[in-house]
Amino acid sequence: MNDRAAPETTMPAPFVSSVMRVEPGWIDYNGHLNMAYYNVLFDRAVDEVYEPLGLGLDYVKTAKCSTFTAEVHVRYLRELLVDAPVRVTFRLLDFDSKRMHYFEELFHAGEGWLSATSENMALNVDMTVKKTAPFPDGVMERLAQMKAAHDGLPLPDGVGRRITMKPAS
């Protein structure tokens, strides 16, 4: 009989990042978080998600692969001020052998309100040739586990939105 515990295969639904803070240098001349730094917060959360998926720094070093963002749609819903504590939720919407489609929500960690959302398409890239490449089997298995866990969640508001203007009345 094997006394070792089975590896953890349960994926959080949704994945929730650690608490981060809005840094003073990120505040713009309007007195709130500059739009570029919303992406920094979303990206830091993705770094946390990538570890259990097997796509973290070790993946870059050993597999010589990484992910590149191909497309992003950010919605800015409520301003964040200096030193605000925030958390990001991550929901894997879909994936295939070379792509991940995911949705993130940025919340004020103390008060719970939604500040912004980010819908993303990321590509797996072989860094030796800078071309898309299939994810390894182990990553595909973990992506499938995460998607199965996330499929039970309600679809977040804003998924699939596009920018458009209604005709002026």
N, C-alpha and C. Protein backbone atom coordinates (compact mmCIF):
# COMPACT_ATOMS: atom_id res chain seq x y z
N MET A 1 0.85 -1.19 0.00
CA MET A 1 0.00 0.00 0.00
C MET A 1 0.89 1.24 0.00
N ASN A 2 0.50 2.23 -0.78
CA ASN A 2 1.24 3.48 -0.89
C ASN A 2 0.77 4.43 0.20
N ASP A 3 1.71 4.89 1.06
CA ASP A 3 1.33 5.79 2.15
C ASP A 3 1.31 7.25 1.74
N ARG A 4 1.80 7.54 0.54
CA ARG A 4 1.81 8.93 0.11
C ARG A 4 0.42 9.35 -0.34
N ALA A 5 0.07 10.59 -0.01
CA ALA A 5 -1.23 11.12 -0.42
C ALA A 5 -1.22 11.37 -1.93
N ALA A 6 -2.37 11.25 -2.53
CA ALA A 6 -2.51 11.57 -3.96
C ALA A 6 -2.28 13.05 -4.16
N PRO A 7 -1.75 13.43 -5.32
CA PRO A 7 -1.55 14.86 -5.57
C PRO A 7 -2.88 15.61 -5.58
N GLU A 8 -2.82 16.85 -5.18
CA GLU A 8 -4.02 17.70 -5.14
C GLU A 8 -4.51 17.94 -6.57
N THR A 9 -5.75 17.60 -6.83
CA THR A 9 -6.30 17.81 -8.16
C THR A 9 -7.50 18.73 -8.15
N THR A 10 -7.94 19.15 -6.99
CA THR A 10 -9.08 20.04 -6.90
C THR A 10 -8.67 21.45 -7.29
N MET A 11 -9.43 22.04 -8.19
CA MET A 11 -9.17 23.41 -8.62
C MET A 11 -10.20 24.33 -7.98
N PRO A 12 -9.75 25.46 -7.43
CA PRO A 12 -10.70 26.40 -6.84
C PRO A 12 -11.62 26.99 -7.91
N ALA A 13 -12.86 27.23 -7.54
CA ALA A 13 -13.84 27.75 -8.48
C ALA A 13 -14.57 28.95 -7.90
N PRO A 14 -14.27 30.14 -8.34
CA PRO A 14 -13.17 30.49 -9.22
C PRO A 14 -11.86 30.52 -8.45
N PHE A 15 -10.76 30.66 -9.17
CA PHE A 15 -9.47 30.89 -8.53
C PHE A 15 -9.52 32.30 -7.96
N VAL A 16 -9.03 32.49 -6.73
CA VAL A 16 -8.99 33.81 -6.10
C VAL A 16 -7.54 34.13 -5.74
N SER A 17 -7.07 35.29 -6.20
CA SER A 17 -5.69 35.69 -5.96
C SER A 17 -5.47 36.09 -4.51
N SER A 18 -4.21 36.26 -4.19
CA SER A 18 -3.86 36.86 -2.91
C SER A 18 -4.27 38.33 -2.92
N VAL A 19 -4.28 38.95 -1.75
CA VAL A 19 -4.60 40.38 -1.68
C VAL A 19 -3.39 41.18 -2.15
N MET A 20 -3.66 42.13 -3.03
CA MET A 20 -2.64 43.05 -3.53
C MET A 20 -3.09 44.46 -3.16
N ARG A 21 -2.20 45.43 -3.28
CA ARG A 21 -2.53 46.82 -2.96
C ARG A 21 -2.20 47.73 -4.12
N VAL A 22 -3.02 48.77 -4.28
CA VAL A 22 -2.76 49.80 -5.28
C VAL A 22 -1.59 50.64 -4.78
N GLU A 23 -0.53 50.68 -5.57
CA GLU A 23 0.70 51.36 -5.17
C GLU A 23 0.65 52.85 -5.50
N PRO A 24 1.28 53.70 -4.67
CA PRO A 24 1.24 55.15 -4.89
C PRO A 24 1.72 55.58 -6.28
N GLY A 25 2.72 54.94 -6.83
CA GLY A 25 3.24 55.31 -8.15
C GLY A 25 2.30 54.98 -9.29
N TRP A 26 1.22 54.26 -9.01
CA TRP A 26 0.26 53.88 -10.04
C TRP A 26 -0.89 54.88 -10.17
N ILE A 27 -0.92 55.89 -9.33
CA ILE A 27 -2.02 56.86 -9.33
C ILE A 27 -1.76 57.92 -10.40
N ASP A 28 -2.77 58.22 -11.20
CA ASP A 28 -2.62 59.21 -12.27
C ASP A 28 -3.05 60.60 -11.83
N TYR A 29 -3.03 61.54 -12.75
CA TYR A 29 -3.36 62.92 -12.40
C TYR A 29 -4.83 63.13 -12.10
N ASN A 30 -5.66 62.10 -12.29
CA ASN A 30 -7.06 62.16 -11.87
C ASN A 30 -7.24 61.68 -10.43
N GLY A 31 -6.14 61.25 -9.80
CA GLY A 31 -6.20 60.83 -8.42
C GLY A 31 -6.63 59.39 -8.20
N HIS A 32 -6.72 58.62 -9.28
CA HIS A 32 -7.10 57.21 -9.13
C HIS A 32 -6.14 56.32 -9.91
N LEU A 33 -6.33 55.01 -9.79
CA LEU A 33 -5.47 54.04 -10.44
C LEU A 33 -5.46 54.27 -11.95
N ASN A 34 -4.26 54.44 -12.52
CA ASN A 34 -4.11 54.60 -13.96
C ASN A 34 -4.51 53.31 -14.65
N MET A 35 -5.13 53.45 -15.81
CA MET A 35 -5.68 52.28 -16.51
C MET A 35 -4.63 51.19 -16.79
N ALA A 36 -3.39 51.55 -17.02
CA ALA A 36 -2.35 50.55 -17.30
C ALA A 36 -2.14 49.61 -16.13
N TYR A 37 -2.31 50.10 -14.93
CA TYR A 37 -2.01 49.29 -13.75
C TYR A 37 -3.13 48.33 -13.38
N TYR A 38 -4.32 48.52 -13.93
CA TYR A 38 -5.33 47.48 -13.81
C TYR A 38 -4.79 46.21 -14.44
N ASN A 39 -4.14 46.37 -15.60
CA ASN A 39 -3.56 45.21 -16.28
C ASN A 39 -2.43 44.58 -15.48
N VAL A 40 -1.67 45.39 -14.75
CA VAL A 40 -0.62 44.85 -13.89
C VAL A 40 -1.25 43.95 -12.82
N LEU A 41 -2.32 44.40 -12.20
CA LEU A 41 -3.00 43.61 -11.17
C LEU A 41 -3.58 42.33 -11.76
N PHE A 42 -4.23 42.44 -12.91
CA PHE A 42 -4.76 41.24 -13.57
C PHE A 42 -3.63 40.27 -13.91
N ASP A 43 -2.51 40.79 -14.41
CA ASP A 43 -1.39 39.93 -14.80
C ASP A 43 -0.74 39.26 -13.59
N ARG A 44 -0.64 39.96 -12.48
CA ARG A 44 -0.08 39.34 -11.27
C ARG A 44 -0.96 38.19 -10.80
N ALA A 45 -2.26 38.34 -10.94
CA ALA A 45 -3.18 37.26 -10.56
C ALA A 45 -2.97 36.06 -11.50
N VAL A 46 -2.79 36.31 -12.78
CA VAL A 46 -2.55 35.23 -13.73
C VAL A 46 -1.28 34.47 -13.34
N ASP A 47 -0.25 35.18 -12.91
CA ASP A 47 0.97 34.50 -12.46
C ASP A 47 0.65 33.51 -11.34
N GLU A 48 -0.26 33.88 -10.43
CA GLU A 48 -0.65 32.97 -9.34
C GLU A 48 -1.43 31.77 -9.88
N VAL A 49 -2.30 31.99 -10.86
CA VAL A 49 -3.09 30.91 -11.46
C VAL A 49 -2.19 29.93 -12.20
N TYR A 50 -1.18 30.45 -12.86
CA TYR A 50 -0.32 29.62 -13.69
C TYR A 50 0.45 28.56 -12.90
N GLU A 51 0.76 28.83 -11.66
CA GLU A 51 1.51 27.84 -10.87
C GLU A 51 0.77 26.51 -10.76
N PRO A 52 -0.49 26.47 -10.28
CA PRO A 52 -1.15 25.16 -10.20
C PRO A 52 -1.46 24.55 -11.56
N LEU A 53 -1.47 25.37 -12.61
CA LEU A 53 -1.69 24.83 -13.96
C LEU A 53 -0.42 24.25 -14.56
N GLY A 54 0.72 24.51 -13.93
CA GLY A 54 1.98 24.05 -14.46
C GLY A 54 2.55 24.96 -15.53
N LEU A 55 2.11 26.22 -15.54
CA LEU A 55 2.55 27.19 -16.54
C LEU A 55 3.40 28.32 -15.96
N GLY A 56 3.90 28.14 -14.75
CA GLY A 56 4.66 29.19 -14.07
C GLY A 56 6.09 29.30 -14.56
N LEU A 57 6.91 29.93 -13.77
CA LEU A 57 8.30 30.21 -14.13
C LEU A 57 9.07 28.93 -14.44
N ASP A 58 8.82 27.85 -13.71
CA ASP A 58 9.51 26.59 -13.99
C ASP A 58 9.19 26.08 -15.39
N TYR A 59 7.95 26.28 -15.85
CA TYR A 59 7.54 25.89 -17.20
C TYR A 59 8.36 26.65 -18.24
N VAL A 60 8.55 27.94 -18.02
CA VAL A 60 9.34 28.75 -18.95
C VAL A 60 10.77 28.24 -19.00
N LYS A 61 11.33 27.94 -17.82
CA LYS A 61 12.73 27.51 -17.76
C LYS A 61 12.95 26.10 -18.30
N THR A 62 12.07 25.16 -17.96
CA THR A 62 12.30 23.77 -18.33
C THR A 62 11.70 23.39 -19.68
N ALA A 63 10.49 23.84 -19.96
CA ALA A 63 9.83 23.48 -21.22
C ALA A 63 10.20 24.44 -22.35
N LYS A 64 10.81 25.57 -21.98
CA LYS A 64 11.15 26.60 -22.97
C LYS A 64 9.90 27.09 -23.71
N CYS A 65 8.81 27.15 -22.95
CA CYS A 65 7.54 27.65 -23.47
C CYS A 65 7.00 28.69 -22.50
N SER A 66 6.08 29.49 -22.99
CA SER A 66 5.42 30.48 -22.15
C SER A 66 4.07 30.79 -22.80
N THR A 67 3.32 31.69 -22.19
CA THR A 67 2.08 32.14 -22.82
C THR A 67 2.22 33.60 -23.18
N PHE A 68 1.63 33.96 -24.30
CA PHE A 68 1.57 35.34 -24.75
C PHE A 68 0.09 35.73 -24.81
N THR A 69 -0.20 36.93 -24.38
CA THR A 69 -1.56 37.44 -24.48
C THR A 69 -1.80 37.88 -25.92
N ALA A 70 -2.87 37.37 -26.53
CA ALA A 70 -3.21 37.71 -27.90
C ALA A 70 -4.28 38.80 -27.97
N GLU A 71 -5.17 38.82 -26.97
CA GLU A 71 -6.27 39.78 -27.00
C GLU A 71 -6.77 40.01 -25.58
N VAL A 72 -7.16 41.25 -25.30
CA VAL A 72 -7.69 41.62 -23.98
C VAL A 72 -8.82 42.63 -24.16
N HIS A 73 -9.86 42.48 -23.37
CA HIS A 73 -10.94 43.47 -23.29
C HIS A 73 -11.13 43.81 -21.82
N VAL A 74 -10.75 45.02 -21.42
CA VAL A 74 -10.88 45.47 -20.03
C VAL A 74 -12.05 46.43 -19.92
N ARG A 75 -12.85 46.23 -18.87
CA ARG A 75 -13.91 47.19 -18.53
C ARG A 75 -13.56 47.81 -17.19
N TYR A 76 -13.56 49.13 -17.14
CA TYR A 76 -13.27 49.89 -15.91
C TYR A 76 -14.62 50.32 -15.34
N LEU A 77 -14.99 49.75 -14.19
CA LEU A 77 -16.33 49.94 -13.66
C LEU A 77 -16.39 50.89 -12.46
N ARG A 78 -15.35 50.88 -11.65
CA ARG A 78 -15.33 51.74 -10.47
C ARG A 78 -13.88 52.03 -10.12
N GLU A 79 -13.59 53.28 -9.82
CA GLU A 79 -12.21 53.68 -9.60
C GLU A 79 -11.64 53.10 -8.31
N LEU A 80 -10.34 52.87 -8.35
CA LEU A 80 -9.58 52.43 -7.19
C LEU A 80 -8.63 53.55 -6.79
N LEU A 81 -8.45 53.72 -5.49
CA LEU A 81 -7.58 54.77 -4.96
C LEU A 81 -6.33 54.17 -4.35
N VAL A 82 -5.37 55.01 -4.04
CA VAL A 82 -4.10 54.57 -3.50
C VAL A 82 -4.29 53.70 -2.26
N ASP A 83 -3.52 52.64 -2.19
CA ASP A 83 -3.46 51.69 -1.08
C ASP A 83 -4.70 50.81 -0.94
N ALA A 84 -5.62 50.87 -1.91
CA ALA A 84 -6.81 50.01 -1.84
C ALA A 84 -6.37 48.55 -1.91
N PRO A 85 -6.92 47.70 -1.03
CA PRO A 85 -6.63 46.27 -1.12
C PRO A 85 -7.53 45.65 -2.20
N VAL A 86 -6.96 44.80 -3.04
CA VAL A 86 -7.73 44.19 -4.12
C VAL A 86 -7.45 42.70 -4.23
N ARG A 87 -8.40 41.99 -4.79
CA ARG A 87 -8.26 40.58 -5.14
C ARG A 87 -8.80 40.40 -6.54
N VAL A 88 -8.28 39.42 -7.23
CA VAL A 88 -8.73 39.11 -8.58
C VAL A 88 -9.26 37.67 -8.59
N THR A 89 -10.42 37.49 -9.21
CA THR A 89 -10.91 36.14 -9.46
C THR A 89 -10.60 35.80 -10.92
N PHE A 90 -10.34 34.52 -11.15
CA PHE A 90 -9.98 34.02 -12.48
C PHE A 90 -10.91 32.88 -12.82
N ARG A 91 -11.51 32.95 -14.00
CA ARG A 91 -12.39 31.88 -14.47
C ARG A 91 -11.94 31.44 -15.85
N LEU A 92 -11.60 30.17 -15.98
CA LEU A 92 -11.24 29.60 -17.28
C LEU A 92 -12.54 29.31 -18.03
N LEU A 93 -12.73 30.01 -19.15
CA LEU A 93 -13.95 29.83 -19.94
C LEU A 93 -13.81 28.70 -20.95
N ASP A 94 -12.63 28.60 -21.56
CA ASP A 94 -12.41 27.56 -22.56
C ASP A 94 -10.91 27.43 -22.85
N PHE A 95 -10.56 26.37 -23.50
CA PHE A 95 -9.17 26.16 -23.90
C PHE A 95 -9.15 25.13 -25.02
N ASP A 96 -8.06 25.14 -25.78
CA ASP A 96 -7.80 24.07 -26.72
C ASP A 96 -6.31 23.75 -26.63
N SER A 97 -5.77 23.08 -27.60
CA SER A 97 -4.39 22.61 -27.49
C SER A 97 -3.36 23.74 -27.42
N LYS A 98 -3.71 24.95 -27.87
CA LYS A 98 -2.75 26.05 -27.90
C LYS A 98 -3.26 27.35 -27.27
N ARG A 99 -4.54 27.41 -26.88
CA ARG A 99 -5.12 28.66 -26.43
C ARG A 99 -5.89 28.50 -25.12
N MET A 100 -5.97 29.62 -24.38
CA MET A 100 -6.82 29.71 -23.18
C MET A 100 -7.66 30.98 -23.30
N HIS A 101 -8.94 30.86 -23.02
CA HIS A 101 -9.87 31.98 -22.98
C HIS A 101 -10.32 32.09 -21.52
N TYR A 102 -10.01 33.22 -20.89
CA TYR A 102 -10.35 33.36 -19.48
C TYR A 102 -10.89 34.75 -19.16
N PHE A 103 -11.53 34.85 -18.01
CA PHE A 103 -12.19 36.07 -17.57
C PHE A 103 -11.78 36.34 -16.13
N GLU A 104 -11.37 37.59 -15.87
CA GLU A 104 -10.96 37.99 -14.53
C GLU A 104 -11.85 39.13 -14.03
N GLU A 105 -12.06 39.14 -12.72
CA GLU A 105 -12.78 40.24 -12.07
C GLU A 105 -11.91 40.78 -10.94
N LEU A 106 -11.78 42.10 -10.89
CA LEU A 106 -10.96 42.78 -9.89
C LEU A 106 -11.90 43.40 -8.86
N PHE A 107 -11.76 42.97 -7.61
CA PHE A 107 -12.62 43.41 -6.53
C PHE A 107 -11.84 44.20 -5.48
N HIS A 108 -12.51 45.18 -4.86
CA HIS A 108 -11.96 45.81 -3.67
C HIS A 108 -12.02 44.74 -2.58
N ALA A 109 -10.88 44.36 -2.04
CA ALA A 109 -10.83 43.23 -1.10
C ALA A 109 -11.47 43.53 0.24
N GLY A 110 -11.52 44.79 0.63
CA GLY A 110 -12.12 45.14 1.91
C GLY A 110 -13.62 45.32 1.85
N GLU A 111 -14.10 45.91 0.75
CA GLU A 111 -15.52 46.26 0.64
C GLU A 111 -16.30 45.37 -0.32
N GLY A 112 -15.60 44.59 -1.13
CA GLY A 112 -16.25 43.59 -1.96
C GLY A 112 -16.81 44.04 -3.30
N TRP A 113 -16.75 45.30 -3.63
CA TRP A 113 -17.34 45.75 -4.90
C TRP A 113 -16.41 45.49 -6.08
N LEU A 114 -17.03 45.35 -7.24
CA LEU A 114 -16.31 45.06 -8.48
C LEU A 114 -15.77 46.34 -9.09
N SER A 115 -14.47 46.36 -9.38
CA SER A 115 -13.83 47.53 -9.96
C SER A 115 -13.62 47.40 -11.47
N ALA A 116 -13.24 46.23 -11.94
CA ALA A 116 -12.94 46.06 -13.36
C ALA A 116 -13.02 44.59 -13.74
N THR A 117 -13.16 44.35 -15.04
CA THR A 117 -13.12 42.99 -15.57
C THR A 117 -12.13 42.95 -16.73
N SER A 118 -11.61 41.76 -17.00
CA SER A 118 -10.66 41.57 -18.10
C SER A 118 -10.93 40.21 -18.74
N GLU A 119 -11.27 40.23 -20.03
CA GLU A 119 -11.47 39.00 -20.78
C GLU A 119 -10.25 38.84 -21.69
N ASN A 120 -9.68 37.63 -21.72
CA ASN A 120 -8.38 37.42 -22.36
C ASN A 120 -8.32 36.16 -23.20
N MET A 121 -7.50 36.24 -24.24
CA MET A 121 -7.11 35.07 -25.02
C MET A 121 -5.59 34.99 -24.94
N ALA A 122 -5.09 33.86 -24.45
CA ALA A 122 -3.65 33.66 -24.33
C ALA A 122 -3.24 32.48 -25.20
N LEU A 123 -2.03 32.56 -25.74
CA LEU A 123 -1.49 31.52 -26.62
C LEU A 123 -0.29 30.87 -25.97
N ASN A 124 -0.17 29.55 -26.12
CA ASN A 124 1.04 28.86 -25.68
C ASN A 124 2.09 29.02 -26.78
N VAL A 125 3.29 29.44 -26.38
CA VAL A 125 4.34 29.76 -27.36
C VAL A 125 5.61 29.00 -27.02
N ASP A 126 6.18 28.35 -28.04
CA ASP A 126 7.50 27.73 -27.94
C ASP A 126 8.50 28.87 -28.05
N MET A 127 9.23 29.13 -26.96
CA MET A 127 10.11 30.28 -26.90
C MET A 127 11.36 30.11 -27.77
N THR A 128 11.67 28.88 -28.17
CA THR A 128 12.87 28.69 -29.00
C THR A 128 12.65 29.14 -30.44
N VAL A 129 11.38 29.13 -30.87
CA VAL A 129 11.06 29.55 -32.24
C VAL A 129 10.02 30.68 -32.28
N LYS A 130 9.50 31.06 -31.11
CA LYS A 130 8.48 32.12 -30.99
C LYS A 130 7.27 31.85 -31.88
N LYS A 131 6.77 30.61 -31.78
CA LYS A 131 5.57 30.22 -32.50
C LYS A 131 4.66 29.46 -31.55
N THR A 132 3.36 29.49 -31.84
CA THR A 132 2.44 28.75 -31.00
C THR A 132 2.77 27.27 -31.04
N ALA A 133 2.49 26.61 -29.91
CA ALA A 133 2.78 25.19 -29.77
C ALA A 133 1.74 24.58 -28.84
N PRO A 134 1.50 23.28 -28.98
CA PRO A 134 0.54 22.63 -28.09
C PRO A 134 1.03 22.63 -26.64
N PHE A 135 0.08 22.72 -25.73
CA PHE A 135 0.39 22.55 -24.31
C PHE A 135 0.82 21.11 -24.06
N PRO A 136 1.70 20.87 -23.11
CA PRO A 136 2.04 19.49 -22.74
C PRO A 136 0.82 18.77 -22.14
N ASP A 137 0.85 17.45 -22.16
CA ASP A 137 -0.27 16.66 -21.65
C ASP A 137 -0.64 17.03 -20.22
N GLY A 138 0.35 17.18 -19.34
CA GLY A 138 0.06 17.50 -17.94
C GLY A 138 -0.66 18.83 -17.79
N VAL A 139 -0.28 19.81 -18.58
CA VAL A 139 -0.97 21.10 -18.56
C VAL A 139 -2.39 20.94 -19.08
N MET A 140 -2.56 20.19 -20.15
CA MET A 140 -3.90 19.95 -20.70
C MET A 140 -4.81 19.29 -19.65
N GLU A 141 -4.25 18.36 -18.88
CA GLU A 141 -5.05 17.70 -17.83
C GLU A 141 -5.47 18.71 -16.77
N ARG A 142 -4.56 19.57 -16.35
CA ARG A 142 -4.90 20.57 -15.32
C ARG A 142 -5.87 21.62 -15.86
N LEU A 143 -5.72 22.00 -17.12
CA LEU A 143 -6.68 22.92 -17.73
C LEU A 143 -8.07 22.28 -17.75
N ALA A 144 -8.14 21.00 -18.09
CA ALA A 144 -9.42 20.29 -18.10
C ALA A 144 -10.03 20.24 -16.69
N GLN A 145 -9.20 20.00 -15.68
CA GLN A 145 -9.69 20.00 -14.30
C GLN A 145 -10.23 21.38 -13.91
N MET A 146 -9.48 22.43 -14.27
CA MET A 146 -9.93 23.78 -13.93
C MET A 146 -11.22 24.13 -14.67
N LYS A 147 -11.27 23.82 -15.95
CA LYS A 147 -12.49 24.14 -16.71
C LYS A 147 -13.68 23.40 -16.14
N ALA A 148 -13.52 22.14 -15.78
CA ALA A 148 -14.63 21.37 -15.19
C ALA A 148 -15.10 22.03 -13.90
N ALA A 149 -14.16 22.48 -13.07
CA ALA A 149 -14.53 23.16 -11.82
C ALA A 149 -15.22 24.49 -12.11
N HIS A 150 -14.79 25.19 -13.13
CA HIS A 150 -15.32 26.52 -13.44
C HIS A 150 -16.61 26.46 -14.25
N ASP A 151 -16.88 25.35 -14.90
CA ASP A 151 -18.12 25.22 -15.69
C ASP A 151 -19.37 25.33 -14.83
N GLY A 152 -19.27 25.02 -13.55
CA GLY A 152 -20.43 25.10 -12.67
C GLY A 152 -20.75 26.51 -12.19
N LEU A 153 -19.88 27.46 -12.51
CA LEU A 153 -20.09 28.84 -12.08
C LEU A 153 -21.01 29.56 -13.07
N PRO A 154 -21.79 30.54 -12.59
CA PRO A 154 -22.58 31.33 -13.54
C PRO A 154 -21.65 32.14 -14.45
N LEU A 155 -22.06 32.33 -15.68
CA LEU A 155 -21.27 33.11 -16.63
C LEU A 155 -21.16 34.55 -16.12
N PRO A 156 -19.95 35.08 -16.00
CA PRO A 156 -19.79 36.44 -15.49
C PRO A 156 -20.39 37.48 -16.44
N ASP A 157 -20.90 38.55 -15.87
CA ASP A 157 -21.42 39.67 -16.65
C ASP A 157 -20.27 40.29 -17.44
N GLY A 158 -20.48 40.50 -18.71
CA GLY A 158 -19.48 41.14 -19.54
C GLY A 158 -18.73 40.20 -20.46
N VAL A 159 -18.89 38.89 -20.31
CA VAL A 159 -18.20 37.95 -21.19
C VAL A 159 -18.70 38.15 -22.62
N GLY A 160 -17.74 38.27 -23.54
CA GLY A 160 -18.09 38.37 -24.95
C GLY A 160 -18.54 39.74 -25.40
N ARG A 161 -18.42 40.73 -24.55
CA ARG A 161 -18.83 42.09 -24.94
C ARG A 161 -17.93 42.61 -26.05
N ARG A 162 -18.47 43.53 -26.78
CA ARG A 162 -17.68 44.24 -27.77
C ARG A 162 -17.94 45.72 -27.60
N ILE A 163 -17.05 46.50 -28.12
CA ILE A 163 -17.20 47.95 -28.01
C ILE A 163 -18.06 48.42 -29.19
N THR A 164 -19.09 49.16 -28.90
CA THR A 164 -19.96 49.70 -29.92
C THR A 164 -20.68 50.93 -29.37
N MET A 165 -21.13 51.77 -30.26
CA MET A 165 -21.92 52.94 -29.87
C MET A 165 -23.28 52.83 -30.51
N LYS A 166 -24.31 53.05 -29.70
CA LYS A 166 -25.66 53.10 -30.24
C LYS A 166 -25.83 54.43 -30.95
N PRO A 167 -26.62 54.46 -31.99
CA PRO A 167 -26.84 55.74 -32.67
C PRO A 167 -27.41 56.77 -31.71
N ALA A 168 -26.96 58.02 -31.85
CA ALA A 168 -27.46 59.11 -30.99
C ALA A 168 -28.94 59.32 -31.28
N SER A 169 -29.69 59.56 -30.20
CA SER A 169 -31.14 59.76 -30.40
C SER A 169 -31.49 61.22 -30.42
